[in-house]
């Protein structure tokens, strides 16, 4: 038997999905207990597979806040310094311009290009880019900065 909260959530989501295409999952927890969960739409449109609890999602830019929080937790423990060069923590980044700092990367002021932001970068590196993020980082070391670190701002992955 559904609670009033669950009924209202179902009604809201049903009405919302009638107005806007939505495919995803929603889970509400309270004190580590799942009090509402619903899977809406398809995990694979081509195969017409519905979403379920085993569906895998790519977080894309939603992972950035989690990375930032993790770095801030490390900073609070004195295990990371945001004003250091990223190569001190990720060897593949050691080829970045010496003026680049982790703080600038978090603020999108490092001057580093985005993986896919420029046509030239995609043409030069996209065919055969590795799947591992550390190898992507190493590729970026060969690409020139878009501006001097700290002198501008541009969103980058």
N, C-alpha and C. Protein backbone atom coordinates (compact mmCIF):
# COMPACT_ATOMS: atom_id res chain seq x y z
N UNK A 1 0.84 -1.18 0.00
CA UNK A 1 0.00 0.00 0.00
C UNK A 1 0.89 1.25 0.00
N UNK A 2 0.61 2.16 -0.91
CA UNK A 2 1.40 3.38 -1.02
C UNK A 2 1.01 4.39 0.05
N UNK A 3 2.04 5.13 0.50
CA UNK A 3 1.77 6.23 1.42
C UNK A 3 1.26 7.42 0.63
N UNK A 4 0.75 8.42 1.33
CA UNK A 4 0.28 9.64 0.67
C UNK A 4 1.43 10.30 -0.09
N UNK A 5 2.61 10.31 0.50
CA UNK A 5 3.79 10.89 -0.16
C UNK A 5 4.06 10.16 -1.48
N UNK A 6 4.05 8.84 -1.46
CA UNK A 6 4.31 8.07 -2.66
C UNK A 6 3.24 8.32 -3.73
N UNK A 7 2.00 8.42 -3.32
CA UNK A 7 0.92 8.71 -4.27
C UNK A 7 1.12 10.08 -4.92
N UNK A 8 1.48 11.07 -4.10
CA UNK A 8 1.68 12.42 -4.64
C UNK A 8 2.88 12.46 -5.57
N UNK A 9 3.92 11.76 -5.22
CA UNK A 9 5.10 11.70 -6.10
C UNK A 9 4.74 11.06 -7.43
N UNK A 10 4.03 9.95 -7.38
CA UNK A 10 3.61 9.29 -8.62
C UNK A 10 2.76 10.22 -9.48
N UNK A 11 1.83 10.92 -8.85
CA UNK A 11 0.95 11.84 -9.59
C UNK A 11 1.77 12.97 -10.21
N UNK A 12 2.66 13.56 -9.41
CA UNK A 12 3.50 14.65 -9.92
C UNK A 12 4.34 14.19 -11.09
N UNK A 13 5.03 13.05 -10.95
CA UNK A 13 5.89 12.57 -12.02
C UNK A 13 5.10 12.20 -13.27
N UNK A 14 3.94 11.61 -13.10
CA UNK A 14 3.11 11.27 -14.25
C UNK A 14 2.69 12.52 -15.00
N UNK A 15 2.27 13.55 -14.28
CA UNK A 15 1.88 14.81 -14.92
C UNK A 15 3.07 15.48 -15.59
N UNK A 16 4.20 15.46 -14.91
CA UNK A 16 5.41 16.07 -15.47
C UNK A 16 5.82 15.36 -16.77
N UNK A 17 5.79 14.04 -16.74
CA UNK A 17 6.22 13.26 -17.91
C UNK A 17 5.27 13.40 -19.10
N UNK A 18 4.03 13.79 -18.84
CA UNK A 18 3.11 14.06 -19.94
C UNK A 18 3.50 15.34 -20.66
N UNK A 19 4.07 16.30 -19.94
CA UNK A 19 4.41 17.61 -20.50
C UNK A 19 5.82 17.65 -21.08
N UNK A 20 6.73 16.92 -20.47
CA UNK A 20 8.13 16.98 -20.89
C UNK A 20 8.69 15.57 -20.95
N UNK A 21 9.49 15.32 -21.99
CA UNK A 21 10.11 14.01 -22.09
C UNK A 21 11.13 13.88 -20.97
N UNK A 22 11.02 12.83 -20.21
CA UNK A 22 11.96 12.57 -19.13
C UNK A 22 12.27 11.10 -19.10
N UNK A 23 13.53 10.81 -18.98
CA UNK A 23 13.97 9.44 -18.83
C UNK A 23 15.01 9.45 -17.73
N UNK A 24 14.73 8.76 -16.65
CA UNK A 24 15.67 8.75 -15.54
C UNK A 24 15.11 8.01 -14.36
N UNK A 25 15.80 8.14 -13.26
CA UNK A 25 15.35 7.48 -12.04
C UNK A 25 15.30 8.51 -10.92
N UNK A 26 14.41 8.25 -10.00
CA UNK A 26 14.27 9.13 -8.85
C UNK A 26 14.20 8.26 -7.61
N UNK A 27 15.00 8.61 -6.63
CA UNK A 27 14.99 7.89 -5.36
C UNK A 27 15.01 8.91 -4.24
N UNK A 28 14.14 8.72 -3.27
CA UNK A 28 14.10 9.57 -2.09
C UNK A 28 14.40 8.67 -0.90
N UNK A 29 15.35 9.10 -0.09
CA UNK A 29 15.70 8.32 1.10
C UNK A 29 15.51 9.17 2.34
N UNK A 30 15.23 8.50 3.43
CA UNK A 30 15.12 9.16 4.73
C UNK A 30 15.76 8.23 5.75
N UNK A 31 16.76 8.75 6.45
CA UNK A 31 17.48 7.94 7.43
C UNK A 31 17.97 6.63 6.82
N UNK A 32 18.59 6.72 5.66
CA UNK A 32 19.14 5.57 4.93
C UNK A 32 18.11 4.55 4.48
N UNK A 33 16.85 4.90 4.49
CA UNK A 33 15.80 4.01 4.02
C UNK A 33 15.17 4.61 2.77
N UNK A 34 14.99 3.78 1.76
CA UNK A 34 14.35 4.24 0.52
C UNK A 34 12.86 4.38 0.81
N UNK A 35 12.35 5.62 0.66
CA UNK A 35 10.92 5.83 0.89
C UNK A 35 10.16 6.02 -0.42
N UNK A 36 10.92 6.27 -1.51
CA UNK A 36 10.27 6.36 -2.82
C UNK A 36 11.32 6.07 -3.88
N UNK A 37 10.91 5.29 -4.87
CA UNK A 37 11.81 4.99 -5.98
C UNK A 37 10.97 4.75 -7.22
N UNK A 38 11.40 5.35 -8.33
CA UNK A 38 10.67 5.14 -9.57
C UNK A 38 11.63 5.28 -10.74
N UNK A 39 11.47 4.41 -11.71
CA UNK A 39 12.27 4.42 -12.93
C UNK A 39 11.34 4.79 -14.08
N UNK A 40 11.72 5.80 -14.84
CA UNK A 40 10.87 6.34 -15.88
C UNK A 40 11.63 6.34 -17.20
N UNK A 41 11.00 5.86 -18.23
CA UNK A 41 11.61 5.94 -19.55
C UNK A 41 12.45 4.73 -19.89
N UNK A 42 13.39 4.97 -20.78
CA UNK A 42 14.17 3.88 -21.34
C UNK A 42 15.65 4.00 -21.04
N UNK A 43 16.26 2.86 -20.78
CA UNK A 43 17.70 2.80 -20.61
C UNK A 43 18.38 2.78 -21.98
N UNK A 44 17.69 2.21 -22.95
CA UNK A 44 18.20 2.13 -24.32
C UNK A 44 17.03 2.32 -25.27
N UNK A 45 17.00 3.47 -25.92
CA UNK A 45 15.88 3.77 -26.83
C UNK A 45 15.88 2.88 -28.06
N UNK A 46 17.08 2.60 -28.58
CA UNK A 46 17.16 1.78 -29.79
C UNK A 46 16.64 0.37 -29.54
N UNK A 47 16.96 -0.18 -28.38
CA UNK A 47 16.53 -1.53 -28.04
C UNK A 47 15.19 -1.54 -27.28
N UNK A 48 14.68 -0.35 -26.99
CA UNK A 48 13.43 -0.20 -26.25
C UNK A 48 13.47 -0.92 -24.90
N UNK A 49 14.59 -0.74 -24.19
CA UNK A 49 14.76 -1.36 -22.88
C UNK A 49 14.39 -0.35 -21.79
N UNK A 50 13.51 -0.75 -20.88
CA UNK A 50 13.12 0.18 -19.81
C UNK A 50 14.22 0.37 -18.77
N UNK A 51 14.19 1.52 -18.12
CA UNK A 51 15.11 1.76 -17.01
C UNK A 51 14.75 0.84 -15.86
N UNK A 52 15.77 0.45 -15.09
CA UNK A 52 15.55 -0.34 -13.88
C UNK A 52 16.67 -0.06 -12.90
N UNK A 53 16.67 -0.77 -11.79
CA UNK A 53 17.67 -0.50 -10.75
C UNK A 53 19.09 -0.85 -11.18
N UNK A 54 19.27 -1.55 -12.28
CA UNK A 54 20.60 -1.90 -12.77
C UNK A 54 21.08 -0.98 -13.89
N UNK A 55 20.26 -0.03 -14.29
CA UNK A 55 20.63 0.87 -15.38
C UNK A 55 21.84 1.71 -14.99
N UNK A 56 22.70 1.96 -15.95
CA UNK A 56 23.92 2.73 -15.74
C UNK A 56 23.74 4.10 -16.38
N UNK A 57 24.16 5.14 -15.68
CA UNK A 57 24.05 6.51 -16.18
C UNK A 57 25.43 7.14 -16.27
N UNK A 58 25.61 7.97 -17.28
CA UNK A 58 26.81 8.79 -17.37
C UNK A 58 26.47 10.12 -16.72
N UNK A 59 27.28 10.55 -15.78
CA UNK A 59 26.97 11.76 -15.03
C UNK A 59 27.43 13.04 -15.72
N UNK A 60 28.35 12.91 -16.65
CA UNK A 60 28.88 14.08 -17.34
C UNK A 60 29.24 15.17 -16.33
N UNK A 61 28.74 16.37 -16.50
CA UNK A 61 29.15 17.50 -15.67
C UNK A 61 28.67 17.41 -14.22
N UNK A 62 27.73 16.53 -13.95
CA UNK A 62 27.28 16.39 -12.56
C UNK A 62 28.36 15.80 -11.67
N UNK A 63 29.39 15.23 -12.27
CA UNK A 63 30.48 14.68 -11.46
C UNK A 63 31.40 15.79 -10.93
N UNK A 64 31.39 16.96 -11.56
CA UNK A 64 32.28 18.04 -11.13
C UNK A 64 32.09 18.46 -9.67
N UNK A 65 30.85 18.66 -9.21
CA UNK A 65 30.71 19.03 -7.79
C UNK A 65 31.23 17.95 -6.83
N UNK A 66 31.10 16.69 -7.22
CA UNK A 66 31.60 15.62 -6.36
C UNK A 66 33.13 15.64 -6.33
N UNK A 67 33.75 15.89 -7.48
CA UNK A 67 35.21 16.02 -7.52
C UNK A 67 35.67 17.19 -6.67
N UNK A 68 34.96 18.32 -6.79
CA UNK A 68 35.33 19.51 -6.01
C UNK A 68 35.18 19.22 -4.51
N UNK A 69 34.08 18.58 -4.13
CA UNK A 69 33.91 18.26 -2.70
C UNK A 69 35.01 17.33 -2.20
N UNK A 70 35.36 16.35 -3.03
CA UNK A 70 36.44 15.44 -2.65
C UNK A 70 37.75 16.17 -2.47
N UNK A 71 38.06 17.08 -3.40
CA UNK A 71 39.29 17.87 -3.27
C UNK A 71 39.26 18.75 -2.02
N UNK A 72 38.11 19.35 -1.72
CA UNK A 72 38.01 20.19 -0.53
C UNK A 72 38.16 19.37 0.75
N UNK A 73 37.66 18.15 0.74
CA UNK A 73 37.85 17.27 1.90
C UNK A 73 39.34 16.93 2.08
N UNK A 74 40.00 16.65 0.95
CA UNK A 74 41.44 16.38 1.02
C UNK A 74 42.21 17.61 1.49
N UNK A 75 41.80 18.78 1.02
CA UNK A 75 42.42 20.04 1.46
C UNK A 75 42.26 20.21 2.96
N UNK A 76 41.04 19.96 3.47
CA UNK A 76 40.79 20.11 4.91
C UNK A 76 41.64 19.16 5.74
N UNK A 77 42.01 18.02 5.17
CA UNK A 77 42.86 17.04 5.86
C UNK A 77 44.34 17.31 5.60
N UNK A 78 44.64 18.40 4.91
CA UNK A 78 46.01 18.75 4.50
C UNK A 78 46.64 17.67 3.63
N UNK A 79 45.81 17.01 2.82
CA UNK A 79 46.31 15.99 1.91
C UNK A 79 46.35 16.49 0.47
N UNK A 80 45.85 17.69 0.24
CA UNK A 80 45.91 18.30 -1.09
C UNK A 80 46.00 19.81 -0.92
N UNK A 81 46.72 20.43 -1.84
CA UNK A 81 46.87 21.88 -1.84
C UNK A 81 46.32 22.39 -3.17
N UNK A 82 45.25 23.17 -3.11
CA UNK A 82 44.59 23.64 -4.32
C UNK A 82 45.47 24.58 -5.14
N UNK A 83 46.50 25.14 -4.54
CA UNK A 83 47.38 26.06 -5.26
C UNK A 83 48.61 25.37 -5.85
N UNK A 84 48.62 24.06 -5.80
CA UNK A 84 49.70 23.28 -6.40
C UNK A 84 49.36 22.93 -7.85
N UNK A 85 50.38 22.59 -8.58
CA UNK A 85 50.22 22.12 -9.95
C UNK A 85 49.57 20.73 -9.91
N UNK A 86 48.60 20.45 -10.80
CA UNK A 86 47.94 19.14 -10.76
C UNK A 86 48.88 17.96 -10.99
N UNK A 87 50.00 18.19 -11.64
CA UNK A 87 50.97 17.13 -11.87
C UNK A 87 51.56 16.56 -10.60
N UNK A 88 51.46 17.30 -9.49
CA UNK A 88 51.96 16.78 -8.22
C UNK A 88 51.11 15.63 -7.71
N UNK A 89 49.87 15.54 -8.18
CA UNK A 89 48.95 14.50 -7.72
C UNK A 89 48.58 13.52 -8.83
N UNK A 90 48.61 13.99 -10.06
CA UNK A 90 48.26 13.15 -11.22
C UNK A 90 49.44 13.23 -12.19
N UNK A 91 50.28 12.21 -12.20
CA UNK A 91 51.50 12.28 -13.04
C UNK A 91 51.23 12.62 -14.50
N UNK A 92 50.10 12.17 -15.04
CA UNK A 92 49.79 12.45 -16.44
C UNK A 92 49.60 13.94 -16.70
N UNK A 93 49.36 14.73 -15.66
CA UNK A 93 49.16 16.17 -15.81
C UNK A 93 50.46 16.95 -15.65
N UNK A 94 51.57 16.27 -15.44
CA UNK A 94 52.83 16.98 -15.20
C UNK A 94 53.27 17.83 -16.38
N UNK A 95 52.76 17.54 -17.58
CA UNK A 95 53.11 18.34 -18.74
C UNK A 95 52.29 19.60 -18.93
N UNK A 96 51.31 19.84 -18.04
CA UNK A 96 50.54 21.08 -18.13
C UNK A 96 51.46 22.26 -17.87
N UNK A 97 51.11 23.41 -18.41
CA UNK A 97 51.85 24.65 -18.16
C UNK A 97 52.13 24.78 -16.67
N UNK A 98 53.31 25.24 -16.33
CA UNK A 98 53.71 25.32 -14.91
C UNK A 98 52.86 26.29 -14.10
N UNK A 99 52.14 27.21 -14.76
CA UNK A 99 51.30 28.16 -14.04
C UNK A 99 49.92 27.63 -13.68
N UNK A 100 49.56 26.45 -14.16
CA UNK A 100 48.24 25.88 -13.91
C UNK A 100 48.17 25.34 -12.48
N UNK A 101 47.08 25.67 -11.78
CA UNK A 101 46.86 25.13 -10.44
C UNK A 101 45.54 24.36 -10.39
N UNK A 102 45.40 23.55 -9.38
CA UNK A 102 44.15 22.81 -9.18
C UNK A 102 43.00 23.79 -8.96
N UNK A 103 43.25 24.85 -8.20
CA UNK A 103 42.21 25.86 -7.94
C UNK A 103 41.70 26.45 -9.26
N UNK A 104 42.63 26.77 -10.17
CA UNK A 104 42.23 27.32 -11.46
C UNK A 104 41.41 26.31 -12.25
N UNK A 105 41.77 25.05 -12.16
CA UNK A 105 40.99 24.03 -12.87
C UNK A 105 39.57 23.97 -12.30
N UNK A 106 39.45 24.06 -10.98
CA UNK A 106 38.12 24.04 -10.36
C UNK A 106 37.30 25.27 -10.76
N UNK A 107 37.96 26.40 -10.95
CA UNK A 107 37.28 27.65 -11.30
C UNK A 107 37.15 27.86 -12.80
N UNK A 108 37.66 26.92 -13.61
CA UNK A 108 37.65 27.04 -15.07
C UNK A 108 38.43 28.26 -15.53
N UNK A 109 39.55 28.53 -14.84
CA UNK A 109 40.42 29.66 -15.21
C UNK A 109 41.84 29.20 -15.54
N UNK A 110 42.02 27.91 -15.80
CA UNK A 110 43.36 27.36 -16.03
C UNK A 110 43.89 27.63 -17.44
N UNK A 111 43.00 27.87 -18.40
CA UNK A 111 43.41 28.03 -19.78
C UNK A 111 43.50 26.71 -20.53
N UNK A 112 43.31 25.60 -19.81
CA UNK A 112 43.35 24.29 -20.46
C UNK A 112 42.15 24.14 -21.39
N UNK A 113 42.36 23.50 -22.54
CA UNK A 113 41.23 23.30 -23.44
C UNK A 113 40.32 22.19 -22.93
N UNK A 114 39.11 22.19 -23.43
CA UNK A 114 38.17 21.12 -23.14
C UNK A 114 38.54 19.94 -24.04
N UNK A 115 38.19 18.74 -23.63
CA UNK A 115 38.47 17.57 -24.45
C UNK A 115 37.87 17.71 -25.84
N UNK A 116 36.69 18.27 -25.93
CA UNK A 116 35.99 18.32 -27.21
C UNK A 116 35.59 19.74 -27.61
N UNK A 117 36.18 20.73 -26.99
CA UNK A 117 35.72 22.10 -27.19
C UNK A 117 36.14 22.70 -28.52
N UNK A 118 37.25 22.26 -29.03
CA UNK A 118 37.70 22.85 -30.30
C UNK A 118 37.71 21.80 -31.39
N UNK A 119 37.39 22.24 -32.58
CA UNK A 119 37.38 21.34 -33.74
C UNK A 119 38.77 20.76 -33.97
N UNK A 120 39.78 21.59 -33.80
CA UNK A 120 41.16 21.15 -34.02
C UNK A 120 41.55 20.03 -33.07
N UNK A 121 41.15 20.19 -31.81
CA UNK A 121 41.48 19.15 -30.83
C UNK A 121 40.83 17.83 -31.23
N UNK A 122 39.55 17.89 -31.59
CA UNK A 122 38.84 16.67 -31.99
C UNK A 122 39.48 16.04 -33.22
N UNK A 123 39.83 16.87 -34.20
CA UNK A 123 40.44 16.34 -35.43
C UNK A 123 41.79 15.70 -35.14
N UNK A 124 42.54 16.31 -34.21
CA UNK A 124 43.87 15.81 -33.92
C UNK A 124 43.84 14.58 -33.02
N UNK A 125 42.94 14.56 -32.03
CA UNK A 125 43.00 13.51 -31.02
C UNK A 125 41.79 12.57 -30.96
N UNK A 126 40.64 12.99 -31.45
CA UNK A 126 39.42 12.19 -31.27
C UNK A 126 39.49 10.79 -31.88
N UNK A 127 40.06 10.62 -33.07
CA UNK A 127 40.08 9.25 -33.60
C UNK A 127 41.01 8.38 -32.77
N UNK A 128 40.48 7.58 -31.91
CA UNK A 128 41.31 6.69 -31.11
C UNK A 128 41.64 7.20 -29.73
N UNK A 129 40.91 8.19 -29.24
CA UNK A 129 41.15 8.61 -27.86
C UNK A 129 40.93 7.44 -26.92
N UNK A 130 41.78 7.27 -25.94
CA UNK A 130 41.61 6.17 -25.00
C UNK A 130 40.41 6.39 -24.09
N UNK A 131 39.94 5.33 -23.46
CA UNK A 131 38.79 5.43 -22.58
C UNK A 131 39.16 5.89 -21.18
N UNK A 132 40.40 5.74 -20.79
CA UNK A 132 40.80 6.09 -19.43
C UNK A 132 41.07 7.59 -19.32
N UNK A 133 40.49 8.20 -18.29
CA UNK A 133 40.58 9.65 -18.12
C UNK A 133 42.03 10.12 -17.97
N UNK A 134 42.87 9.36 -17.31
CA UNK A 134 44.26 9.77 -17.13
C UNK A 134 44.98 9.88 -18.47
N UNK A 135 44.62 9.02 -19.40
CA UNK A 135 45.23 9.10 -20.73
C UNK A 135 44.71 10.31 -21.49
N UNK A 136 43.45 10.67 -21.28
CA UNK A 136 42.91 11.91 -21.86
C UNK A 136 43.70 13.11 -21.34
N UNK A 137 43.97 13.10 -20.04
CA UNK A 137 44.72 14.20 -19.43
C UNK A 137 46.08 14.32 -20.09
N UNK A 138 46.73 13.21 -20.31
CA UNK A 138 48.05 13.23 -20.95
C UNK A 138 47.97 13.84 -22.35
N UNK A 139 46.90 13.53 -23.10
CA UNK A 139 46.72 14.14 -24.42
C UNK A 139 46.63 15.65 -24.32
N UNK A 140 45.97 16.15 -23.30
CA UNK A 140 45.80 17.61 -23.15
C UNK A 140 47.13 18.32 -22.94
N UNK A 141 48.13 17.63 -22.42
CA UNK A 141 49.42 18.29 -22.18
C UNK A 141 50.08 18.72 -23.49
N UNK A 142 49.74 18.08 -24.59
CA UNK A 142 50.33 18.42 -25.89
C UNK A 142 49.59 19.54 -26.59
N UNK A 143 48.45 19.95 -26.06
CA UNK A 143 47.63 20.96 -26.70
C UNK A 143 47.89 22.31 -26.04
N UNK A 144 48.06 23.38 -26.81
CA UNK A 144 48.38 24.67 -26.20
C UNK A 144 47.24 25.23 -25.34
N UNK A 145 47.63 26.02 -24.34
CA UNK A 145 46.63 26.70 -23.51
C UNK A 145 45.82 27.66 -24.36
N UNK A 146 44.59 27.87 -23.98
CA UNK A 146 43.74 28.81 -24.69
C UNK A 146 43.97 30.24 -24.21
N UNK A 147 44.46 30.38 -22.98
CA UNK A 147 44.86 31.68 -22.43
C UNK A 147 45.77 31.42 -21.24
N UNK A 148 46.49 32.46 -20.82
CA UNK A 148 47.41 32.34 -19.69
C UNK A 148 46.61 31.96 -18.43
N UNK A 149 47.09 30.96 -17.66
CA UNK A 149 46.37 30.55 -16.46
C UNK A 149 46.04 31.73 -15.54
N UNK A 150 44.77 31.80 -15.16
CA UNK A 150 44.31 32.86 -14.26
C UNK A 150 43.91 34.14 -14.95
N UNK A 151 44.11 34.24 -16.27
CA UNK A 151 43.82 35.50 -16.96
C UNK A 151 42.46 35.51 -17.66
N UNK A 152 41.77 34.42 -17.65
CA UNK A 152 40.48 34.34 -18.30
C UNK A 152 39.64 33.25 -17.69
N UNK A 153 38.50 32.99 -18.29
CA UNK A 153 37.62 31.95 -17.78
C UNK A 153 36.92 31.28 -18.95
N UNK A 154 36.87 29.94 -18.91
CA UNK A 154 36.15 29.20 -19.93
C UNK A 154 35.82 27.82 -19.37
N UNK A 155 34.58 27.45 -19.49
CA UNK A 155 34.12 26.14 -19.02
C UNK A 155 34.90 25.04 -19.74
N UNK A 156 35.36 24.07 -18.98
CA UNK A 156 36.09 22.94 -19.57
C UNK A 156 35.80 21.68 -18.76
N UNK A 157 35.73 20.59 -19.45
CA UNK A 157 35.54 19.30 -18.79
C UNK A 157 36.80 18.83 -18.11
